[in-house]
PDB file of N, CA and C in Angstrom:
ATOM      1  N   MET A   1      -8.271  80.088  46.370  1.00  0.00           N
ATOM      2  CA  MET A   1      -7.947  78.681  46.238  1.00  0.00           C
ATOM      3  C   MET A   1      -7.897  78.017  47.605  1.00  0.00           C
ATOM      4  N   ARG A   2      -7.310  78.702  48.567  1.00  0.00           N
ATOM      5  CA  ARG A   2      -7.200  78.158  49.916  1.00  0.00           C
ATOM      6  C   ARG A   2      -8.577  77.894  50.508  1.00  0.00           C
ATOM      7  N   LYS A   3      -9.523  78.812  50.251  1.00  0.00           N
ATOM      8  CA  LYS A   3     -10.879  78.669  50.764  1.00  0.00           C
ATOM      9  C   LYS A   3     -11.542  77.427  50.142  1.00  0.00           C
ATOM     10  N   PHE A   4     -11.318  77.216  48.849  1.00  0.00           N
ATOM     11  CA  PHE A   4     -11.873  76.059  48.158  1.00  0.00           C
ATOM     12  C   PHE A   4     -11.327  74.757  48.752  1.00  0.00           C
ATOM     13  N   ILE A   5     -10.020  74.712  48.992  1.00  0.00           N
ATOM     14  CA  ILE A   5      -9.392  73.517  49.558  1.00  0.00           C
ATOM     15  C   ILE A   5      -9.940  73.240  50.951  1.00  0.00           C
ATOM     16  N   MET A   6     -10.130  74.275  51.759  1.00  0.00           N
ATOM     17  CA  MET A   6     -10.684  74.092  53.105  1.00  0.00           C
ATOM     18  C   MET A   6     -12.111  73.549  53.030  1.00  0.00           C
ATOM     19  N   SER A   7     -12.919  74.092  52.117  1.00  0.00           N
ATOM     20  CA  SER A   7     -14.299  73.613  51.954  1.00  0.00           C
ATOM     21  C   SER A   7     -14.298  72.163  51.489  1.00  0.00           C
ATOM     22  N   PHE A   8     -13.437  71.849  50.529  1.00  0.00           N
ATOM     23  CA  PHE A   8     -13.347  70.492  50.014  1.00  0.00           C
ATOM     24  C   PHE A   8     -12.921  69.521  51.111  1.00  0.00           C
ATOM     25  N   THR A   9     -11.943  69.927  51.924  1.00  0.00           N
ATOM     26  CA  THR A   9     -11.466  69.093  53.025  1.00  0.00           C
ATOM     27  C   THR A   9     -12.577  68.860  54.038  1.00  0.00           C
ATOM     28  N   THR A  10     -13.341  69.889  54.349  1.00  0.00           N
ATOM     29  CA  THR A  10     -14.443  69.756  55.299  1.00  0.00           C
ATOM     30  C   THR A  10     -15.495  68.791  54.768  1.00  0.00           C
ATOM     31  N   VAL A  11     -15.876  68.939  53.507  1.00  0.00           N
ATOM     32  CA  VAL A  11     -16.869  68.051  52.902  1.00  0.00           C
ATOM     33  C   VAL A  11     -16.346  66.621  52.881  1.00  0.00           C
ATOM     34  N   ALA A  12     -15.094  66.436  52.516  1.00  0.00           N
ATOM     35  CA  ALA A  12     -14.508  65.098  52.479  1.00  0.00           C
ATOM     36  C   ALA A  12     -14.491  64.479  53.870  1.00  0.00           C
ATOM     37  N   SER A  13     -14.159  65.258  54.882  1.00  0.00           N
ATOM     38  CA  SER A  13     -14.134  64.746  56.257  1.00  0.00           C
ATOM     39  C   SER A  13     -15.524  64.339  56.710  1.00  0.00           C
ATOM     40  N   LEU A  14     -16.519  65.163  56.417  1.00  0.00           N
ATOM     41  CA  LEU A  14     -17.894  64.829  56.791  1.00  0.00           C
ATOM     42  C   LEU A  14     -18.373  63.586  56.055  1.00  0.00           C
ATOM     43  N   SER A  15     -18.003  63.447  54.797  1.00  0.00           N
ATOM     44  CA  SER A  15     -18.394  62.267  54.028  1.00  0.00           C
ATOM     45  C   SER A  15     -17.775  61.012  54.620  1.00  0.00           C
ATOM     46  N   LEU A  16     -16.508  61.080  54.979  1.00  0.00           N
ATOM     47  CA  LEU A  16     -15.838  59.923  55.572  1.00  0.00           C
ATOM     48  C   LEU A  16     -16.416  59.589  56.937  1.00  0.00           C
ATOM     49  N   ALA A  17     -16.848  60.600  57.679  1.00  0.00           N
ATOM     50  CA  ALA A  17     -17.450  60.346  58.986  1.00  0.00           C
ATOM     51  C   ALA A  17     -18.790  59.634  58.838  1.00  0.00           C
ATOM     52  N   ALA A  18     -19.495  59.841  57.738  1.00  0.00           N
ATOM     53  CA  ALA A  18     -20.801  59.220  57.532  1.00  0.00           C
ATOM     54  C   ALA A  18     -20.686  57.761  57.103  1.00  0.00           C
ATOM     55  N   VAL A  19     -19.587  57.366  56.516  1.00  0.00           N
ATOM     56  CA  VAL A  19     -19.431  56.004  56.012  1.00  0.00           C
ATOM     57  C   VAL A  19     -19.566  54.950  57.110  1.00  0.00           C
ATOM     58  N   PRO A  20     -18.890  55.070  58.255  1.00  0.00           N
ATOM     59  CA  PRO A  20     -19.060  54.052  59.281  1.00  0.00           C
ATOM     60  C   PRO A  20     -20.497  53.950  59.784  1.00  0.00           C
ATOM     61  N   VAL A  21     -21.206  55.053  59.867  1.00  0.00           N
ATOM     62  CA  VAL A  21     -22.597  55.015  60.305  1.00  0.00           C
ATOM     63  C   VAL A  21     -23.432  54.232  59.311  1.00  0.00           C
ATOM     64  N   LEU A  22     -23.215  54.469  58.014  1.00  0.00           N
ATOM     65  CA  LEU A  22     -23.936  53.706  57.007  1.00  0.00           C
ATOM     66  C   LEU A  22     -23.604  52.224  57.119  1.00  0.00           C
ATOM     67  N   GLY A  23     -22.357  51.909  57.372  1.00  0.00           N
ATOM     68  CA  GLY A  23     -21.958  50.518  57.544  1.00  0.00           C
ATOM     69  C   GLY A  23     -22.644  49.874  58.735  1.00  0.00           C
ATOM     70  N   LEU A  24     -22.800  50.617  59.815  1.00  0.00           N
ATOM     71  CA  LEU A  24     -23.467  50.074  60.997  1.00  0.00           C
ATOM     72  C   LEU A  24     -24.933  49.799  60.731  1.00  0.00           C
ATOM     73  N   THR A  25     -25.610  50.688  60.012  1.00  0.00           N
ATOM     74  CA  THR A  25     -27.022  50.443  59.732  1.00  0.00           C
ATOM     75  C   THR A  25     -27.185  49.257  58.802  1.00  0.00           C
ATOM     76  N   GLN A  26     -26.276  49.092  57.847  1.00  0.00           N
ATOM     77  CA  GLN A  26     -26.357  47.930  56.974  1.00  0.00           C
ATOM     78  C   GLN A  26     -26.103  46.656  57.758  1.00  0.00           C
ATOM     79  N   ALA A  27     -25.158  46.675  58.674  1.00  0.00           N
ATOM     80  CA  ALA A  27     -24.869  45.489  59.484  1.00  0.00           C
ATOM     81  C   ALA A  27     -26.060  45.145  60.362  1.00  0.00           C
ATOM     82  N   ALA A  28     -26.727  46.153  60.906  1.00  0.00           N
ATOM     83  CA  ALA A  28     -27.890  45.893  61.753  1.00  0.00           C
ATOM     84  C   ALA A  28     -29.015  45.280  60.936  1.00  0.00           C
ATOM     85  N   ASN A  29     -29.214  45.759  59.719  1.00  0.00           N
ATOM     86  CA  ASN A  29     -30.263  45.214  58.869  1.00  0.00           C
ATOM     87  C   ASN A  29     -29.899  43.840  58.333  1.00  0.00           C
ATOM     88  N   ALA A  30     -28.616  43.550  58.215  1.00  0.00           N
ATOM     89  CA  ALA A  30     -28.171  42.282  57.660  1.00  0.00           C
ATOM     90  C   ALA A  30     -27.992  41.212  58.729  1.00  0.00           C
ATOM     91  N   ALA A  31     -28.384  41.499  59.958  1.00  0.00           N
ATOM     92  CA  ALA A  31     -28.221  40.525  61.036  1.00  0.00           C
ATOM     93  C   ALA A  31     -28.980  39.245  60.696  1.00  0.00           C
ATOM     94  N   GLU A  32     -28.389  38.143  61.045  1.00  0.00           N
ATOM     95  CA  GLU A  32     -28.982  36.836  60.793  1.00  0.00           C
ATOM     96  C   GLU A  32     -30.300  36.717  61.559  1.00  0.00           C
ATOM     97  N   PRO A  33     -31.382  36.319  60.872  1.00  0.00           N
ATOM     98  CA  PRO A  33     -32.640  36.144  61.594  1.00  0.00           C
ATOM     99  C   PRO A  33     -32.511  35.027  62.624  1.00  0.00           C
ATOM    100  N   VAL A  34     -33.238  35.165  63.699  1.00  0.00           N
ATOM    101  CA  VAL A  34     -33.170  34.196  64.794  1.00  0.00           C
ATOM    102  C   VAL A  34     -34.573  33.675  65.073  1.00  0.00           C
ATOM    103  N   VAL A  35     -34.687  32.382  65.330  1.00  0.00           N
ATOM    104  CA  VAL A  35     -35.963  31.809  65.761  1.00  0.00           C
ATOM    105  C   VAL A  35     -35.772  31.169  67.122  1.00  0.00           C
ATOM    106  N   ARG A  36     -36.824  31.187  67.881  1.00  0.00           N
ATOM    107  CA  ARG A  36     -36.820  30.526  69.175  1.00  0.00           C
ATOM    108  C   ARG A  36     -37.939  29.490  69.172  1.00  0.00           C
ATOM    109  N   VAL A  37     -37.618  28.284  69.612  1.00  0.00           N
ATOM    110  CA  VAL A  37     -38.597  27.208  69.657  1.00  0.00           C
ATOM    111  C   VAL A  37     -38.736  26.788  71.112  1.00  0.00           C
ATOM    112  N   SER A  38     -39.917  26.995  71.653  1.00  0.00           N
ATOM    113  CA  SER A  38     -40.152  26.683  73.062  1.00  0.00           C
ATOM    114  C   SER A  38     -40.480  25.201  73.237  1.00  0.00           C
ATOM    115  N   TYR A  39     -39.952  24.624  74.293  1.00  0.00           N
ATOM    116  CA  TYR A  39     -40.277  23.240  74.633  1.00  0.00           C
ATOM    117  C   TYR A  39     -40.519  23.092  76.136  1.00  0.00           C
ATOM    118  N   SER A  40     -40.519  24.199  76.867  1.00  0.00           N
ATOM    119  CA  SER A  40     -40.642  24.126  78.328  1.00  0.00           C
ATOM    120  C   SER A  40     -41.980  23.542  78.771  1.00  0.00           C
ATOM    121  N   ASP A  41     -43.000  23.626  77.920  1.00  0.00           N
ATOM    122  CA  ASP A  41     -44.311  23.093  78.278  1.00  0.00           C
ATOM    123  C   ASP A  41     -44.512  21.664  77.787  1.00  0.00           C
ATOM    124  N   LEU A  42     -43.467  21.050  77.242  1.00  0.00           N
ATOM    125  CA  LEU A  42     -43.581  19.717  76.649  1.00  0.00           C
ATOM    126  C   LEU A  42     -42.722  18.697  77.382  1.00  0.00           C
ATOM    127  N   ASN A  43     -43.192  17.467  77.391  1.00  0.00           N
ATOM    128  CA  ASN A  43     -42.413  16.328  77.866  1.00  0.00           C
ATOM    129  C   ASN A  43     -41.900  15.633  76.606  1.00  0.00           C
ATOM    130  N   LEU A  44     -40.660  15.872  76.259  1.00  0.00           N
ATOM    131  CA  LEU A  44     -40.136  15.394  74.983  1.00  0.00           C
ATOM    132  C   LEU A  44     -39.948  13.883  74.925  1.00  0.00           C
ATOM    133  N   SER A  45     -40.074  13.189  76.045  1.00  0.00           N
ATOM    134  CA  SER A  45     -40.001  11.729  76.004  1.00  0.00           C
ATOM    135  C   SER A  45     -41.350  11.115  75.627  1.00  0.00           C
ATOM    136  N   ASN A  46     -42.402  11.922  75.624  1.00  0.00           N
ATOM    137  CA  ASN A  46     -43.728  11.482  75.195  1.00  0.00           C
ATOM    138  C   ASN A  46     -43.805  11.648  73.676  1.00  0.00           C
ATOM    139  N   PRO A  47     -44.073  10.575  72.930  1.00  0.00           N
ATOM    140  CA  PRO A  47     -44.077  10.672  71.467  1.00  0.00           C
ATOM    141  C   PRO A  47     -45.033  11.740  70.916  1.00  0.00           C
ATOM    142  N   ALA A  48     -46.207  11.888  71.515  1.00  0.00           N
ATOM    143  CA  ALA A  48     -47.165  12.888  71.026  1.00  0.00           C
ATOM    144  C   ALA A  48     -46.628  14.300  71.239  1.00  0.00           C
ATOM    145  N   GLN A  49     -46.015  14.541  72.389  1.00  0.00           N
ATOM    146  CA  GLN A  49     -45.479  15.870  72.666  1.00  0.00           C
ATOM    147  C   GLN A  49     -44.190  16.124  71.886  1.00  0.00           C
ATOM    148  N   ALA A  50     -43.434  15.077  71.626  1.00  0.00           N
ATOM    149  CA  ALA A  50     -42.249  15.220  70.769  1.00  0.00           C
ATOM    150  C   ALA A  50     -42.681  15.607  69.354  1.00  0.00           C
ATOM    151  N   ALA A  51     -43.816  15.060  68.908  1.00  0.00           N
ATOM    152  CA  ALA A  51     -44.340  15.421  67.587  1.00  0.00           C
ATOM    153  C   ALA A  51     -44.753  16.892  67.551  1.00  0.00           C
ATOM    154  N   VAL A  52     -45.334  17.389  68.650  1.00  0.00           N
ATOM    155  CA  VAL A  52     -45.691  18.808  68.737  1.00  0.00           C
ATOM    156  C   VAL A  52     -44.425  19.657  68.617  1.00  0.00           C
ATOM    157  N   PHE A  53     -43.364  19.230  69.285  1.00  0.00           N
ATOM    158  CA  PHE A  53     -42.091  19.953  69.220  1.00  0.00           C
ATOM    159  C   PHE A  53     -41.557  19.977  67.788  1.00  0.00           C
ATOM    160  N   LYS A  54     -41.645  18.846  67.100  1.00  0.00           N
ATOM    161  CA  LYS A  54     -41.173  18.778  65.705  1.00  0.00           C
ATOM    162  C   LYS A  54     -41.977  19.732  64.818  1.00  0.00           C
ATOM    163  N   VAL A  55     -43.287  19.834  65.066  1.00  0.00           N
ATOM    164  CA  VAL A  55     -44.117  20.763  64.288  1.00  0.00           C
ATOM    165  C   VAL A  55     -43.691  22.201  64.569  1.00  0.00           C
ATOM    166  N   ARG A  56     -43.383  22.506  65.824  1.00  0.00           N
ATOM    167  CA  ARG A  56     -42.912  23.852  66.170  1.00  0.00           C
ATOM    168  C   ARG A  56     -41.609  24.177  65.439  1.00  0.00           C
ATOM    169  N   ILE A  57     -40.711  23.201  65.383  1.00  0.00           N
ATOM    170  CA  ILE A  57     -39.442  23.411  64.670  1.00  0.00           C
ATOM    171  C   ILE A  57     -39.716  23.640  63.186  1.00  0.00           C
ATOM    172  N   GLU A  58     -40.596  22.831  62.624  1.00  0.00           N
ATOM    173  CA  GLU A  58     -40.931  22.953  61.199  1.00  0.00           C
ATOM    174  C   GLU A  58     -41.509  24.338  60.895  1.00  0.00           C
ATOM    175  N   THR A  59     -42.432  24.785  61.734  1.00  0.00           N
ATOM    176  CA  THR A  59     -43.054  26.101  61.536  1.00  0.00           C
ATOM    177  C   THR A  59     -42.016  27.214  61.650  1.00  0.00           C
ATOM    178  N   ALA A  60     -41.171  27.130  62.669  1.00  0.00           N
ATOM    179  CA  ALA A  60     -40.127  28.146  62.852  1.00  0.00           C
ATOM    180  C   ALA A  60     -39.150  28.129  61.682  1.00  0.00           C
ATOM    181  N   GLY A  61     -38.800  26.935  61.219  1.00  0.00           N
ATOM    182  CA  GLY A  61     -37.883  26.813  60.086  1.00  0.00           C
ATOM    183  C   GLY A  61     -38.464  27.409  58.816  1.00  0.00           C
ATOM    184  N   GLU A  62     -39.735  27.122  58.556  1.00  0.00           N
ATOM    185  CA  GLU A  62     -40.373  27.688  57.367  1.00  0.00           C
ATOM    186  C   GLU A  62     -40.444  29.209  57.454  1.00  0.00           C
ATOM    187  N   THR A  63     -40.752  29.726  58.644  1.00  0.00           N
ATOM    188  CA  THR A  63     -40.816  31.180  58.833  1.00  0.00           C
ATOM    189  C   THR A  63     -39.454  31.814  58.569  1.00  0.00           C
ATOM    190  N   LEU A  64     -38.411  31.243  59.161  1.00  0.00           N
ATOM    191  CA  LEU A  64     -37.063  31.775  58.991  1.00  0.00           C
ATOM    192  C   LEU A  64     -36.612  31.700  57.534  1.00  0.00           C
ATOM    193  N   CYS A  65     -36.843  30.567  56.903  1.00  0.00           N
ATOM    194  CA  CYS A  65     -36.373  30.378  55.530  1.00  0.00           C
ATOM    195  C   CYS A  65     -37.153  31.249  54.548  1.00  0.00           C
ATOM    196  N   ARG A  66     -38.442  31.472  54.810  1.00  0.00           N
ATOM    197  CA  ARG A  66     -39.208  32.395  53.961  1.00  0.00           C
ATOM    198  C   ARG A  66     -38.660  33.810  54.080  1.00  0.00           C
ATOM    199  N   ALA A  67     -38.317  34.210  55.315  1.00  0.00           N
ATOM    200  CA  ALA A  67     -37.741  35.549  55.523  1.00  0.00           C
ATOM    201  C   ALA A  67     -36.423  35.682  54.763  1.00  0.00           C
ATOM    202  N   LYS A  68     -35.590  34.636  54.813  1.00  0.00           N
ATOM    203  CA  LYS A  68     -34.319  34.669  54.084  1.00  0.00           C
ATOM    204  C   LYS A  68     -34.554  34.681  52.575  1.00  0.00           C
ATOM    205  N   LEU A  69     -35.575  33.960  52.128  1.00  0.00           N
ATOM    206  CA  LEU A  69     -35.906  33.924  50.705  1.00  0.00           C
ATOM    207  C   LEU A  69     -36.359  35.301  50.228  1.00  0.00           C
ATOM    208  N   ARG A  70     -37.219  35.958  51.017  1.00  0.00           N
ATOM    209  CA  ARG A  70     -37.705  37.295  50.649  1.00  0.00           C
ATOM    210  C   ARG A  70     -36.575  38.316  50.597  1.00  0.00           C
ATOM    211  N   SER A  71     -35.617  38.190  51.520  1.00  0.00           N
ATOM    212  CA  SER A  71     -34.519  39.163  51.558  1.00  0.00           C
ATOM    213  C   SER A  71     -33.400  38.823  50.568  1.00  0.00           C
ATOM    214  N   GLY A  72     -33.506  37.674  49.908  1.00  0.00           N
ATOM    215  CA  GLY A  72     -32.486  37.281  48.939  1.00  0.00           C
ATOM    216  C   GLY A  72     -31.260  36.646  49.571  1.00  0.00           C
ATOM    217  N   ASP A  73     -31.356  36.261  50.850  1.00  0.00           N
ATOM    218  CA  ASP A  73     -30.213  35.685  51.561  1.00  0.00           C
ATOM    219  C   ASP A  73     -30.220  34.157  51.591  1.00  0.00           C
ATOM    220  N   LEU A  74     -31.172  33.528  50.943  1.00  0.00           N
ATOM    221  CA  LEU A  74     -31.262  32.069  50.974  1.00  0.00           C
ATOM    222  C   LEU A  74     -30.325  31.509  49.919  1.00  0.00           C
ATOM    223  N   ASP A  75     -29.259  30.821  50.368  1.00  0.00           N
ATOM    224  CA  ASP A  75     -28.247  30.307  49.445  1.00  0.00           C
ATOM    225  C   ASP A  75     -28.298  28.787  49.328  1.00  0.00           C
ATOM    226  N   MET A  76     -29.470  28.209  49.600  1.00  0.00           N
ATOM    227  CA  MET A  76     -29.671  26.766  49.484  1.00  0.00           C
ATOM    228  C   MET A  76     -31.137  26.533  49.147  1.00  0.00           C
ATOM    229  N   PRO A  77     -31.504  25.329  48.764  1.00  0.00           N
ATOM    230  CA  PRO A  77     -32.921  25.055  48.517  1.00  0.00           C
ATOM    231  C   PRO A  77     -33.743  25.283  49.795  1.00  0.00           C
ATOM    232  N   PHE A  78     -35.006  25.652  49.612  1.00  0.00           N
ATOM    233  CA  PHE A  78     -35.877  25.969  50.745  1.00  0.00           C
ATOM    234  C   PHE A  78     -35.948  24.808  51.735  1.00  0.00           C
ATOM    235  N   ARG A  79     -36.196  23.596  51.257  1.00  0.00           N
ATOM    236  CA  ARG A  79     -36.311  22.432  52.156  1.00  0.00           C
ATOM    237  C   ARG A  79     -34.972  22.153  52.850  1.00  0.00           C
ATOM    238  N   GLY A  80     -33.877  22.415  52.172  1.00  0.00           N
ATOM    239  CA  GLY A  80     -32.564  22.262  52.803  1.00  0.00           C
ATOM    240  C   GLY A  80     -32.387  23.240  53.946  1.00  0.00           C
ATOM    241  N   CYS A  81     -32.899  24.452  53.763  1.00  0.00           N
ATOM    242  CA  CYS A  81     -32.841  25.465  54.820  1.00  0.00           C
ATOM    243  C   CYS A  81     -33.644  25.007  56.034  1.00  0.00           C
ATOM    244  N   VAL A  82     -34.861  24.505  55.784  1.00  0.00           N
ATOM    245  CA  VAL A  82     -35.711  24.038  56.887  1.00  0.00           C
ATOM    246  C   VAL A  82     -35.040  22.859  57.600  1.00  0.00           C
ATOM    247  N   ALA A  83     -34.444  21.952  56.846  1.00  0.00           N
ATOM    248  CA  ALA A  83     -33.740  20.815  57.456  1.00  0.00           C
ATOM    249  C   ALA A  83     -32.566  21.299  58.303  1.00  0.00           C
ATOM    250  N   GLU A  84     -31.878  22.335  57.830  1.00  0.00           N
ATOM    251  CA  GLU A  84     -30.761  22.903  58.596  1.00  0.00           C
ATOM    252  C   GLU A  84     -31.260  23.505  59.908  1.00  0.00           C
ATOM    253  N   VAL A  85     -32.426  24.138  59.879  1.00  0.00           N
ATOM    254  CA  VAL A  85     -33.013  24.677  61.114  1.00  0.00           C
ATOM    255  C   VAL A  85     -33.303  23.533  62.082  1.00  0.00           C
ATOM    256  N   HIS A  86     -33.872  22.427  61.577  1.00  0.00           N
ATOM    257  CA  HIS A  86     -34.128  21.251  62.424  1.00  0.00           C
ATOM    258  C   HIS A  86     -32.833  20.787  63.095  1.00  0.00           C
ATOM    259  N   ARG A  87     -31.780  20.639  62.299  1.00  0.00           N
ATOM    260  CA  ARG A  87     -30.501  20.165  62.848  1.00  0.00           C
ATOM    261  C   ARG A  87     -29.960  21.130  63.900  1.00  0.00           C
ATOM    262  N   GLU A  88     -30.045  22.425  63.615  1.00  0.00           N
ATOM    263  CA  GLU A  88     -29.494  23.423  64.530  1.00  0.00           C
ATOM    264  C   GLU A  88     -30.278  23.473  65.842  1.00  0.00           C
ATOM    265  N   VAL A  89     -31.600  23.401  65.759  1.00  0.00           N
ATOM    266  CA  VAL A  89     -32.414  23.413  66.986  1.00  0.00           C
ATOM    267  C   VAL A  89     -32.090  22.186  67.828  1.00  0.00           C
ATOM    268  N   GLU A  90     -32.055  21.023  67.207  1.00  0.00           N
ATOM    269  CA  GLU A  90     -31.774  19.802  67.962  1.00  0.00           C
ATOM    270  C   GLU A  90     -30.347  19.800  68.507  1.00  0.00           C
ATOM    271  N   ARG A  91     -29.418  20.399  67.779  1.00  0.00           N
ATOM    272  CA  ARG A  91     -28.032  20.485  68.265  1.00  0.00           C
ATOM    273  C   ARG A  91     -27.953  21.356  69.517  1.00  0.00           C
ATOM    274  N   GLN A  92     -28.776  22.395  69.583  1.00  0.00           N
ATOM    275  CA  GLN A  92     -28.725  23.319  70.712  1.00  0.00           C
ATOM    276  C   GLN A  92     -29.529  22.848  71.922  1.00  0.00           C
ATOM    277  N   LEU A  93     -30.272  21.772  71.762  1.00  0.00           N
ATOM    278  CA  LEU A  93     -31.014  21.243  72.912  1.00  0.00           C
ATOM    279  C   LEU A  93     -30.046  20.714  73.964  1.00  0.00           C
ATOM    280  N   PRO A  94     -30.403  20.847  75.232  1.00  0.00           N
ATOM    281  CA  PRO A  94     -29.589  20.206  76.271  1.00  0.00           C
ATOM    282  C   PRO A  94     -29.597  18.684  76.077  1.00  0.00           C
ATOM    283  N   LYS A  95     -28.575  18.039  76.581  1.00  0.00           N
ATOM    284  CA  LYS A  95     -28.409  16.595  76.395  1.00  0.00           C
ATOM    285  C   LYS A  95     -29.632  15.813  76.870  1.00  0.00           C
ATOM    286  N   ALA A  96     -30.194  16.195  78.003  1.00  0.00           N
ATOM    287  CA  ALA A  96     -31.359  15.479  78.544  1.00  0.00           C
ATOM    288  C   ALA A  96     -32.540  15.537  77.570  1.00  0.00           C
ATOM    289  N   GLN A  97     -32.749  16.687  76.938  1.00  0.00           N
ATOM    290  CA  GLN A  97     -33.857  16.819  75.991  1.00  0.00           C
ATOM    291  C   GLN A  97     -33.581  16.034  74.708  1.00  0.00           C
ATOM    292  N   ARG A  98     -32.322  16.002  74.267  1.00  0.00           N
ATOM    293  CA  ARG A  98     -31.985  15.193  73.084  1.00  0.00           C
ATOM    294  C   ARG A  98     -32.241  13.719  73.370  1.00  0.00           C
ATOM    295  N   GLN A  99     -31.884  13.282  74.575  1.00  0.00           N
ATOM    296  CA  GLN A  99     -32.123  11.889  74.952  1.00  0.00           C
ATOM    297  C   GLN A  99     -33.619  11.596  75.041  1.00  0.00           C
ATOM    298  N   ALA A 100     -34.393  12.556  75.555  1.00  0.00           N
ATOM    299  CA  ALA A 100     -35.845  12.378  75.645  1.00  0.00           C
ATOM    300  C   ALA A 100     -36.451  12.251  74.249  1.00  0.00           C
ATOM    301  N   LEU A 101     -35.983  13.070  73.304  1.00  0.00           N
ATOM    302  CA  LEU A 101     -36.478  12.964  71.925  1.00  0.00           C
ATOM    303  C   LEU A 101     -36.130  11.606  71.319  1.00  0.00           C
ATOM    304  N   ALA A 102     -34.929  11.138  71.572  1.00  0.00           N
ATOM    305  CA  ALA A 102     -34.521   9.827  71.058  1.00  0.00           C
ATOM    306  C   ALA A 102     -35.386   8.731  71.665  1.00  0.00           C
ATOM    307  N   SER A 103     -35.686   8.854  72.950  1.00  0.00           N
ATOM    308  CA  SER A 103     -36.546   7.888  73.630  1.00  0.00           C
ATOM    309  C   SER A 103     -37.945   7.891  73.020  1.00  0.00           C
ATOM    310  N   ALA A 104     -38.471   9.074  72.737  1.00  0.00           N
ATOM    311  CA  ALA A 104     -39.798   9.185  72.123  1.00  0.00           C
ATOM    312  C   ALA A 104     -39.797   8.558  70.737  1.00  0.00           C
ATOM    313  N   ALA A 105     -38.728   8.755  69.981  1.00  0.00           N
ATOM    314  CA  ALA A 105     -38.635   8.177  68.638  1.00  0.00           C
ATOM    315  C   ALA A 105     -38.598   6.652  68.717  1.00  0.00           C
ATOM    316  N   ARG A 106     -37.850   6.116  69.695  1.00  0.00           N
ATOM    317  CA  ARG A 106     -37.806   4.658  69.871  1.00  0.00           C
ATOM    318  C   ARG A 106     -39.176   4.125  70.273  1.00  0.00           C
ATOM    319  N   ALA A 107     -39.852   4.816  71.189  1.00  0.00           N
ATOM    320  CA  ALA A 107     -41.174   4.382  71.641  1.00  0.00           C
ATOM    321  C   ALA A 107     -42.162   4.394  70.479  1.00  0.00           C
ATOM    322  N   GLN A 108     -42.077   5.392  69.639  1.00  0.00           N
ATOM    323  CA  GLN A 108     -42.969   5.476  68.480  1.00  0.00           C
ATOM    324  C   GLN A 108     -42.664   4.342  67.506  1.00  0.00           C
ATOM    325  N   ALA A 109     -41.390   4.035  67.301  1.00  0.00           N
ATOM    326  CA  ALA A 109     -41.013   2.951  66.390  1.00  0.00           C
ATOM    327  C   ALA A 109     -41.520   1.611  66.915  1.00  0.00           C
ATOM    328  N   ILE A 110     -41.426   1.401  68.215  1.00  0.00           N
ATOM    329  CA  ILE A 110     -41.914   0.155  68.819  1.00  0.00           C
ATOM    330  C   ILE A 110     -43.428   0.069  68.678  1.00  0.00           C
ATOM    331  N   GLU A 111     -44.104   1.187  68.884  1.00  0.00           N
ATOM    332  CA  GLU A 111     -45.563   1.223  68.762  1.00  0.00           C
ATOM    333  C   GLU A 111     -45.995   0.887  67.340  1.00  0.00           C
ATOM    334  N   VAL A 112     -45.310   1.437  66.352  1.00  0.00           N
ATOM    335  CA  VAL A 112     -45.632   1.162  64.949  1.00  0.00           C
ATOM    336  C   VAL A 112     -45.349  -0.301  64.633  1.00  0.00           C
ATOM    337  N   ALA A 113     -44.250  -0.831  65.137  1.00  0.00           N
ATOM    338  CA  ALA A 113     -43.893  -2.226  64.880  1.00  0.00           C
ATOM    339  C   ALA A 113     -44.899  -3.179  65.521  1.00  0.00           C
ATOM    340  N   ALA A 114     -45.459  -2.786  66.668  1.00  0.00           N
ATOM    341  CA  ALA A 114     -46.416  -3.640  67.369  1.00  0.00           C
ATOM    342  C   ALA A 114     -47.747  -3.717  66.627  1.00  0.00           C
ATOM    343  N   GLN A 115     -48.040  -2.728  65.819  1.00  0.00           N
ATOM    344  CA  GLN A 115     -49.316  -2.729  65.089  1.00  0.00           C
ATOM    345  C   GLN A 115     -49.175  -3.625  63.922  1.00  0.00           C
TER     346      GLN A 115
END
């Protein structure tokens, strides 16, 4: 009986030691996907280049949201996810770049109004 208890204790200890490792691999696989949107080659105060930046955000957002959809982690409508990516990217821009984008949007609005 003593031998059985020792074997059972050893197996139980090894099983408990494996649980945290399994948890770590699940956490690594469940990491939030990340996208990076480059703007270093763009002048965001130029309306045409600001439009290129918006397309980059849209593409990155669609890529990220499709990945979340495939993995079953998308808890909002697809377009809502892409819009959230737009908001998050623009929120993380430095103040100067946010101001440049706003300037480009105003310039584009004036150009459209002039036509």
